[in-house]
Protein backbone atom coordinates (compact mmCIF):
# COMPACT_ATOMS: atom_id res chain seq x y z
CA MET A 1 0.24 -2.58 -31.05
CA ALA A 2 0.91 1.26 -30.76
CA SER A 3 -0.19 3.69 -33.17
CA ASP A 4 2.10 4.51 -35.56
CA ASP A 5 0.97 7.99 -35.28
CA ALA A 6 3.62 8.57 -32.87
CA THR A 7 6.38 11.39 -32.96
CA PRO A 8 9.21 9.68 -35.08
CA GLY A 9 12.12 8.24 -33.31
CA ALA A 10 10.47 8.72 -29.98
CA LEU A 11 10.09 5.52 -27.98
CA ALA A 12 6.66 4.95 -25.72
CA PRO A 13 7.73 3.80 -22.87
CA VAL A 14 6.58 -0.04 -22.05
CA SER A 15 6.58 -1.64 -18.55
CA ARG A 16 8.58 -4.68 -17.92
CA PRO A 17 5.62 -6.72 -17.34
CA ARG A 18 3.70 -5.54 -20.46
CA ARG A 19 6.94 -6.22 -22.41
CA THR A 20 7.11 -9.69 -21.25
CA MET A 21 3.86 -10.51 -21.64
CA VAL A 22 3.36 -8.72 -25.43
CA VAL A 23 6.73 -11.31 -26.07
CA LEU A 24 5.44 -13.92 -24.52
CA GLY A 25 2.00 -14.09 -26.04
CA ALA A 26 3.60 -13.45 -29.53
CA ALA A 27 5.83 -16.53 -29.14
CA LEU A 28 2.71 -18.82 -27.92
CA VAL A 29 0.74 -17.65 -31.10
CA SER A 30 4.40 -19.09 -33.15
CA GLY A 31 4.35 -22.12 -30.39
CA ILE A 32 0.90 -23.14 -31.73
CA ALA A 33 1.00 -22.30 -35.47
CA GLY A 34 4.53 -24.84 -35.30
CA TYR A 35 2.10 -27.46 -33.75
CA VAL A 36 -0.56 -26.85 -36.40
CA VAL A 37 2.07 -27.14 -39.23
CA LEU A 38 3.22 -30.50 -37.90
CA VAL A 39 0.17 -31.91 -37.42
CA LEU A 40 -0.99 -30.60 -41.01
CA THR A 41 1.88 -32.39 -42.22
CA ALA A 42 1.71 -35.42 -40.11
CA ARG A 43 -1.97 -35.78 -41.25
CA TYR A 44 -1.50 -35.20 -44.59
CA LEU A 45 1.58 -36.79 -45.97
CA ASP A 46 2.19 -40.71 -45.28
CA PRO A 47 4.97 -41.31 -42.77
CA ALA A 48 7.73 -41.79 -45.74
CA GLU A 49 6.84 -38.46 -46.96
CA ASN A 50 6.52 -36.41 -43.31
CA ALA A 51 9.92 -37.66 -42.55
CA ASP A 52 11.22 -36.17 -45.63
CA PHE A 53 9.45 -32.67 -45.46
CA LEU A 54 10.75 -32.96 -41.56
CA VAL A 55 14.13 -33.06 -42.82
CA PHE A 56 13.25 -29.88 -45.03
CA TRP A 57 11.53 -28.29 -42.06
CA GLY A 58 15.15 -28.84 -40.06
CA VAL A 59 17.23 -27.34 -42.26
CA LEU A 60 14.94 -24.46 -43.10
CA PHE A 61 14.64 -23.75 -39.32
CA GLY A 62 18.23 -24.70 -38.86
CA VAL A 63 19.64 -22.18 -40.68
CA PHE A 64 17.10 -20.01 -39.47
CA GLY A 65 18.64 -20.41 -36.02
CA VAL A 66 21.47 -19.28 -37.02
CA LEU A 67 20.46 -16.36 -38.67
CA VAL A 68 18.51 -15.66 -35.27
CA GLY A 69 22.34 -14.96 -34.08
CA THR A 70 21.66 -11.75 -36.03
CA THR A 71 18.76 -10.96 -33.80
CA SER A 72 20.36 -11.20 -30.61
CA GLU A 73 23.24 -9.30 -31.17
CA THR A 74 21.49 -6.33 -33.47
CA THR A 75 19.06 -6.22 -30.18
CA ARG A 76 22.36 -6.15 -27.85
CA ALA A 77 23.90 -3.61 -30.53
CA VAL A 78 20.73 -1.03 -30.84
CA PHE A 79 20.66 -1.29 -26.88
CA ALA A 80 23.82 -0.17 -26.29
CA ALA A 81 23.99 2.52 -29.17
CA ARG A 82 20.63 4.17 -27.19
CA ALA A 83 22.26 3.62 -23.58
CA ALA A 84 25.31 5.20 -25.42
CA ASP A 85 25.97 8.90 -23.96
CA PRO A 86 26.18 10.56 -26.87
CA SER A 87 24.52 7.61 -28.91
CA PRO A 88 27.09 6.78 -31.48
CA ARG A 89 26.68 8.40 -35.03
CA ASP A 90 29.48 5.69 -36.88
CA GLY A 91 27.65 2.57 -35.96
CA VAL A 92 26.43 0.91 -39.07
CA ARG A 93 22.99 0.60 -39.90
CA VAL A 94 21.79 -3.10 -38.91
CA VAL A 95 19.38 -3.97 -41.22
CA PRO A 96 21.66 -3.57 -44.28
CA VAL A 97 24.16 -6.44 -42.61
CA ALA A 98 21.13 -8.84 -41.74
CA VAL A 99 20.16 -8.64 -45.90
CA ALA A 100 24.32 -9.36 -46.25
CA ILE A 101 24.30 -12.10 -43.77
CA GLY A 102 21.57 -13.86 -45.25
CA ALA A 103 22.44 -13.72 -49.21
CA ALA A 104 26.13 -14.77 -47.70
CA ALA A 105 24.06 -18.10 -45.91
CA ALA A 106 21.79 -18.32 -48.98
CA PHE A 107 25.07 -18.60 -51.47
CA VAL A 108 26.83 -20.96 -48.99
CA VAL A 109 23.86 -23.28 -48.59
CA GLY A 110 22.91 -23.15 -52.01
CA VAL A 111 26.77 -23.93 -53.49
CA SER A 112 27.34 -26.87 -51.00
CA GLY A 113 23.57 -28.34 -51.84
CA LEU A 114 25.06 -29.12 -55.20
CA TRP A 115 26.89 -31.71 -52.83
CA TRP A 116 24.35 -33.04 -50.17
CA GLY A 117 20.86 -31.87 -51.59
CA ALA A 118 20.23 -35.49 -53.51
CA HIS A 119 21.48 -37.12 -50.29
CA LEU A 120 18.38 -35.27 -48.00
CA PHE A 121 15.98 -34.41 -50.15
CA GLY A 122 16.14 -37.03 -52.89
CA ASP A 123 14.74 -36.91 -55.91
CA ARG A 124 12.78 -33.26 -55.09
CA TRP A 125 16.09 -31.45 -54.06
CA VAL A 126 16.28 -29.62 -57.58
CA GLY A 127 12.76 -27.96 -56.75
CA LEU A 128 13.56 -27.48 -52.59
CA LEU A 129 17.11 -26.13 -52.74
CA PRO A 130 15.77 -23.05 -54.30
CA VAL A 131 12.91 -22.28 -51.97
CA LEU A 132 15.67 -22.74 -48.75
CA LEU A 133 17.64 -20.31 -50.42
CA VAL A 134 14.68 -17.54 -50.96
CA GLY A 135 13.65 -18.27 -47.20
CA PHE A 136 17.11 -17.80 -45.61
CA VAL A 137 17.15 -14.01 -47.82
CA LEU A 138 13.67 -13.23 -46.57
CA PHE A 139 14.16 -14.34 -42.94
CA ALA A 140 17.91 -12.73 -42.63
CA VAL A 141 15.92 -9.48 -43.15
CA HIS A 142 13.09 -10.43 -40.57
CA CYS A 143 15.75 -10.99 -37.96
CA GLY A 144 17.72 -8.00 -38.24
CA LEU A 145 14.20 -5.99 -38.57
CA GLY A 146 13.36 -8.01 -35.24
CA GLY A 147 16.48 -6.85 -33.32
CA ALA A 148 16.21 -3.48 -34.69
CA LEU A 149 12.72 -2.86 -32.61
CA ALA A 150 13.55 -5.08 -29.93
CA GLY A 151 17.04 -2.93 -29.13
CA ARG A 152 14.75 0.19 -29.70
CA ALA A 153 12.46 -1.10 -26.99
CA GLU A 154 9.80 -1.40 -29.45
CA TRP A 155 8.30 -4.60 -27.94
CA ASP A 156 4.71 -4.30 -29.58
CA ARG A 157 6.01 -4.17 -32.90
CA TYR A 158 8.60 -6.80 -32.18
CA ALA A 159 5.85 -8.93 -30.71
CA GLY A 160 3.60 -7.88 -34.08
CA LEU A 161 6.09 -9.04 -36.42
CA VAL A 162 6.75 -12.41 -34.51
CA ALA A 163 3.29 -13.17 -34.46
CA ALA A 164 2.52 -12.13 -37.79
CA GLU A 165 4.99 -14.43 -39.71
CA SER A 166 4.46 -17.61 -37.83
CA THR A 167 0.50 -16.93 -38.47
CA VAL A 168 1.06 -16.47 -41.90
CA ARG A 169 3.00 -19.45 -42.39
CA VAL A 170 0.47 -21.73 -40.65
CA VAL A 171 -2.39 -19.97 -43.10
CA ALA A 172 -0.09 -20.92 -45.84
CA VAL A 173 0.14 -24.50 -45.22
CA GLY A 174 -3.14 -25.10 -44.74
CA VAL A 175 -3.69 -23.79 -48.07
CA VAL A 176 -1.81 -25.95 -49.26
CA ALA A 177 -3.21 -28.99 -47.34
CA VAL A 178 -6.61 -28.09 -48.86
CA VAL A 179 -5.79 -27.40 -52.53
CA GLY A 180 -3.11 -30.09 -52.77
CA ALA A 181 -1.06 -31.63 -49.88
CA SER A 182 2.77 -32.18 -50.95
CA VAL A 183 6.16 -31.92 -49.64
CA THR A 184 6.88 -29.25 -52.08
CA GLY A 185 3.97 -27.29 -51.25
CA PHE A 186 4.38 -27.21 -47.91
CA ALA A 187 7.94 -26.40 -47.93
CA VAL A 188 7.34 -23.45 -50.23
CA ALA A 189 4.46 -21.86 -47.63
CA SER A 190 6.87 -22.65 -44.74
CA ALA A 191 9.59 -20.30 -46.67
CA ALA A 192 7.45 -17.89 -48.22
CA ALA A 193 6.12 -16.90 -44.50
CA ALA A 194 9.35 -15.56 -43.68
CA GLY A 195 8.46 -12.76 -45.81
CA THR A 196 5.96 -11.22 -43.63
CA TRP A 197 8.02 -8.29 -42.91
CA VAL A 198 7.67 -6.76 -46.27
CA ILE A 199 3.82 -5.84 -45.19
CA PHE A 200 4.99 -4.36 -42.35
CA VAL A 201 7.82 -2.67 -43.95
CA LEU A 202 5.14 -1.01 -46.59
CA VAL A 203 2.33 0.15 -44.29
CA SER A 204 4.22 1.12 -41.33
CA PRO A 205 6.38 3.97 -40.39
CA ARG A 206 7.41 2.95 -37.52
CA TYR A 207 8.74 -0.05 -38.80
CA ARG A 208 10.35 1.83 -41.81
CA LEU A 209 11.83 3.91 -39.01
CA ALA A 210 13.42 0.93 -37.58
CA VAL A 211 14.93 -0.50 -40.48
CA ALA A 212 17.18 2.90 -40.24
CA ALA A 213 18.63 1.78 -36.60
CA ARG A 214 21.91 1.68 -36.05
CA ALA A 215 24.60 -0.34 -33.90
CA ASP A 216 26.63 1.00 -31.61
CA VAL A 217 29.93 0.28 -33.41
CA PRO A 218 31.30 0.72 -36.92
CA LEU A 219 30.82 -2.35 -39.53
CA ARG A 220 33.97 -4.15 -38.87
CA PRO A 221 33.50 -4.80 -34.85
CA PHE A 222 29.93 -5.33 -35.64
CA LEU A 223 30.10 -8.08 -38.42
CA VAL A 224 32.69 -9.61 -36.47
CA ARG A 225 30.31 -10.05 -33.34
CA ILE A 226 27.20 -11.00 -35.75
CA LEU A 227 29.81 -13.69 -37.26
CA GLY A 228 30.41 -15.28 -34.11
CA ALA A 229 26.87 -14.84 -32.62
CA CYS A 230 25.66 -17.12 -35.64
CA SER A 231 28.49 -19.07 -35.54
CA ALA A 232 27.16 -19.91 -31.98
CA ALA A 233 23.72 -19.57 -32.81
CA ALA A 234 24.68 -22.65 -35.75
CA ALA A 235 25.93 -24.67 -33.23
CA SER A 236 22.48 -24.24 -30.90
CA ALA A 237 20.42 -24.40 -34.33
CA LEU A 238 21.67 -28.10 -34.63
CA LEU A 239 20.41 -28.85 -31.10
CA LEU A 240 17.09 -27.03 -31.36
CA VAL A 241 15.11 -27.16 -34.74
CA GLY A 242 17.93 -28.97 -36.58
CA PHE A 243 18.14 -32.17 -34.71
CA PRO A 244 16.48 -34.09 -37.70
CA VAL A 245 19.54 -33.49 -39.42
CA LEU A 246 22.08 -34.43 -37.54
CA LEU A 247 19.85 -37.84 -36.56
CA ARG A 248 20.25 -38.51 -40.51
CA ALA A 249 23.45 -37.76 -40.90
CA THR A 250 24.11 -40.67 -38.24
CA THR A 251 21.03 -43.11 -38.83
CA SER A 252 20.97 -45.67 -41.43
CA ASP A 253 18.58 -45.11 -44.46
CA ALA A 254 16.04 -48.09 -43.36
CA GLU A 255 16.29 -47.28 -39.51
CA PHE A 256 15.52 -43.20 -40.52
CA ALA A 257 12.53 -44.34 -42.37
CA LEU A 258 10.96 -44.96 -39.25
CA ALA A 259 12.36 -42.00 -37.47
CA ALA A 260 9.28 -40.00 -38.29
CA PRO A 261 7.28 -40.41 -34.64
CA LEU A 262 10.67 -39.83 -32.86
CA ILE A 263 11.40 -36.58 -34.58
CA LEU A 264 7.96 -35.47 -33.59
CA ALA A 265 8.08 -36.78 -30.21
CA VAL A 266 11.37 -34.38 -29.90
CA SER A 267 9.36 -31.18 -31.26
CA LEU A 268 5.92 -31.57 -29.21
CA SER A 269 8.38 -32.07 -26.04
CA ARG A 270 10.20 -29.11 -26.87
CA ALA A 271 7.69 -26.53 -28.11
CA PRO A 272 6.08 -25.92 -24.61
CA LEU A 273 9.41 -24.58 -23.67
CA LEU A 274 11.44 -23.66 -26.39
CA VAL A 275 9.12 -21.71 -28.82
CA PRO A 276 8.76 -19.02 -25.83
CA LEU A 277 12.36 -19.08 -24.76
CA GLY A 278 12.66 -18.43 -28.31
CA ALA A 279 10.70 -14.90 -28.31
CA TYR A 280 12.07 -14.03 -24.96
CA GLN A 281 16.05 -14.33 -25.38
CA THR A 282 15.60 -10.83 -26.77
CA ILE A 283 14.00 -9.57 -23.60
CA ALA A 284 16.84 -11.60 -21.55
CA VAL A 285 19.59 -9.76 -23.51
CA THR A 286 18.28 -6.57 -22.61
CA LYS A 287 17.64 -7.75 -18.88
CA VAL A 288 21.04 -9.11 -18.41
CA MET A 289 22.66 -6.24 -19.86
CA THR A 290 21.81 -4.09 -17.21
CA GLY A 291 20.89 -6.50 -14.14
CA GLY A 292 23.56 -9.00 -14.52
CA LEU A 293 23.13 -12.76 -13.99
CA ARG A 294 20.88 -12.30 -11.40
CA ALA A 295 17.92 -11.07 -13.97
CA LEU A 296 17.73 -14.87 -15.49
CA ARG A 297 17.06 -16.76 -11.84
CA GLU A 298 13.36 -16.10 -12.59
CA PRO A 299 13.17 -17.36 -15.78
CA ALA A 300 15.52 -20.50 -14.78
CA LEU A 301 13.44 -21.14 -11.89
CA VAL A 302 10.04 -21.13 -14.65
CA VAL A 303 12.21 -23.64 -17.02
CA VAL A 304 12.50 -25.85 -14.20
CA VAL A 305 9.07 -25.88 -12.48
CA VAL A 306 7.47 -26.25 -16.03
CA SER A 307 9.83 -29.25 -17.02
CA LEU A 308 9.81 -31.32 -13.61
CA ALA A 309 5.37 -30.96 -14.40
CA GLY A 310 5.78 -31.66 -18.09
CA VAL A 311 8.59 -35.31 -17.10
CA VAL A 312 5.09 -36.32 -14.99
CA LEU A 313 2.52 -34.91 -17.95
CA ALA A 314 4.49 -36.30 -20.37
CA TYR A 315 4.18 -40.02 -19.55
CA PRO A 316 0.39 -40.71 -19.86
CA ILE A 317 -0.30 -37.64 -22.52
CA GLY A 318 2.81 -37.69 -24.74
CA PRO A 319 2.01 -41.09 -26.61
CA ALA A 320 -1.98 -40.17 -26.55
CA VAL A 321 -1.25 -36.92 -28.45
CA LEU A 322 1.00 -38.72 -30.99
CA ARG A 323 -1.55 -41.23 -31.67
CA LEU A 324 -4.48 -38.55 -31.92
CA LEU A 325 -1.67 -36.67 -34.78
CA ASN A 326 -1.38 -40.13 -36.57
CA PRO A 327 -1.98 -43.44 -35.63
CA ASP A 328 0.55 -45.40 -37.16
CA TYR A 329 3.07 -43.10 -34.62
CA GLU A 330 4.09 -44.58 -31.62
CA ILE A 331 6.51 -43.50 -28.64
CA SER A 332 6.78 -44.95 -24.95
CA GLY A 333 5.52 -42.85 -22.60
CA ALA A 334 9.12 -43.13 -20.93
CA THR A 335 10.82 -42.06 -23.86
CA PHE A 336 8.34 -39.09 -24.25
CA SER A 337 9.39 -38.08 -20.10
CA TRP A 338 13.01 -38.30 -20.90
CA LEU A 339 12.57 -35.97 -23.77
CA VAL A 340 10.98 -33.47 -21.45
CA VAL A 341 14.53 -33.69 -19.66
CA ALA A 342 16.05 -33.34 -22.26
CA ALA A 343 13.82 -30.03 -23.51
CA GLY A 344 14.48 -28.56 -19.94
CA LEU A 345 18.43 -28.48 -20.02
CA VAL A 346 18.20 -27.44 -23.86
CA SER A 347 16.21 -24.71 -22.55
CA LEU A 348 18.82 -23.60 -19.67
CA LEU A 349 21.31 -23.77 -22.19
CA THR A 350 19.64 -21.18 -23.95
CA LEU A 351 19.53 -19.14 -21.37
CA SER A 352 22.64 -19.53 -19.92
CA GLY A 353 23.74 -18.35 -23.88
CA ALA A 354 21.59 -15.44 -24.02
CA ALA A 355 23.49 -14.18 -21.13
CA SER A 356 27.01 -14.90 -22.29
CA LEU A 357 26.13 -13.18 -25.44
CA ALA A 358 24.45 -10.09 -23.23
CA LEU A 359 27.53 -10.00 -21.52
CA ALA A 360 29.67 -9.43 -24.43
CA ARG A 361 31.51 -13.12 -23.55
CA HIS A 362 31.41 -13.80 -27.06
CA THR A 363 34.08 -16.40 -27.20
CA THR A 364 32.48 -18.28 -23.99
CA TYR A 365 28.58 -17.95 -25.96
CA VAL A 366 30.16 -19.75 -28.79
CA ALA A 367 32.55 -22.62 -26.75
CA GLY A 368 29.56 -23.30 -24.74
CA TRP A 369 27.10 -24.28 -27.96
CA PHE A 370 29.85 -26.11 -29.68
CA ALA A 371 30.96 -28.28 -26.94
CA ALA A 372 27.16 -28.92 -26.59
CA THR A 373 26.60 -29.63 -30.33
CA ALA A 374 29.74 -32.20 -30.56
CA VAL A 375 28.94 -34.20 -27.45
CA THR A 376 25.45 -34.59 -28.64
CA THR A 377 26.54 -35.25 -32.55
CA VAL A 378 29.03 -38.33 -30.64
CA VAL A 379 26.69 -40.10 -28.76
CA LEU A 380 24.83 -39.86 -31.86
CA LEU A 381 27.25 -42.25 -33.41
CA PHE A 382 27.11 -44.76 -30.30
CA PRO A 383 25.59 -48.13 -31.55
CA TRP A 384 22.72 -48.07 -29.89
CA ALA A 385 19.54 -48.13 -30.55
CA MET A 386 17.98 -45.17 -31.95
CA GLU A 387 15.88 -43.87 -29.40
CA THR A 388 18.35 -44.65 -26.97
CA ARG A 389 21.06 -42.42 -28.51
CA THR A 390 18.38 -39.65 -29.21
CA VAL A 391 17.55 -38.85 -25.62
CA VAL A 392 21.16 -39.94 -24.08
CA ALA A 393 22.54 -37.29 -27.07
CA LEU A 394 20.04 -34.60 -25.93
CA ILE A 395 20.66 -34.87 -22.04
CA ALA A 396 24.32 -34.80 -22.31
CA GLY A 397 24.91 -32.09 -24.86
CA PRO A 398 23.52 -29.24 -22.46
CA LEU A 399 25.04 -30.83 -19.39
CA VAL A 400 28.31 -29.66 -20.63
CA GLY A 401 27.59 -26.34 -22.41
CA VAL A 402 25.98 -24.64 -19.64
CA PRO A 403 29.03 -24.50 -17.18
CA ILE A 404 31.01 -23.07 -20.24
CA HIS A 405 28.59 -20.55 -20.53
CA LEU A 406 28.60 -19.70 -17.06
CA LEU A 407 32.29 -19.52 -16.43
CA ARG A 408 32.22 -15.71 -16.07
CA GLY A 409 30.45 -13.64 -13.53
CA PRO A 410 28.25 -10.65 -14.60
CA VAL A 411 28.94 -6.89 -15.63
CA ARG A 412 26.37 -4.30 -15.96
CA LEU A 413 25.29 -1.43 -18.38
CA PRO A 414 22.89 1.40 -16.47
CA PRO A 415 19.10 0.80 -17.06
CA LEU A 416 17.77 3.20 -20.06
């Protein structure tokens, strides 16, 4: 990571290949950490307890996924403010807005949780709900700070923040596994790691400088755009990390008690693509802002190639990996291969969504994600076997959403 002794306000140039490598490196660390968490919970909890934890994990990262809309829009806004000549001085400071968004999310979830908490979390809901709320506020600041760093082209620091947050999470979960594994303990460790940014802000002047970053517009228009981005992110979060919640809501209690292997298989098939893409979205936004939709041809080709290779490899390897994590977990190779197809399609949906946001097509961005989520939810209501419903739903949604995201053509901003 670059030294913090640089002149305040100065932005050290970062080459495009280095920018991509440091961000994808952070995403790799994050992906491995996520795998380790899933492995630990699968091995230290019985299947029924693990299913409960995976629901908590789905809610936690589902709302985290909503808040990631703050990162994407903040990246665009700070980047655009830097590109403006002169830079707008009436632009709102982005991190305080992120704090307000996190507090609002915690309030909504906290109040509504009095209704759904017992249904999703059972007897543990009284302890798990407050853990969620604290995690949401902490992660909202993480998102605002990350977006400010990305918009300022501080890619080393952005990558450091992403990698450290996920690393702290897996270390905390490991400590819980050793001290005394429980659903609540794993939940606290998973949520508390979202506050890793506090350490960075306390020790680094450069991170404190990013806290003061401004958007290209005043509070009201920025807040409207943030809410639009978070609304679309809410739909995307249900498809990406909140899928266990969708499945739980559309499945009987008896059938869902057997769902842990399928939920874990969905996560394993998606992580190699979606974890890197989660971090790459900030780069995608800046690339499309300067180069139009053509800038996404290369990453889209990578997604297609990796998906095709994954379809072939998943058939023999997927079931073996699942049994290695837990000998009682069984999913067929064919199901794994179809889940990789679905992962590839939802990855393309993620890229097309980033393009819509970068081009300020906020209505299109929201419409594409909501349409994909609506189709997925409707398919999950069909009277089919759980595996069949899951595969068809995860494939059908992106097939509807991607064309909607690409309805309008590109615009360009001058490169910085």
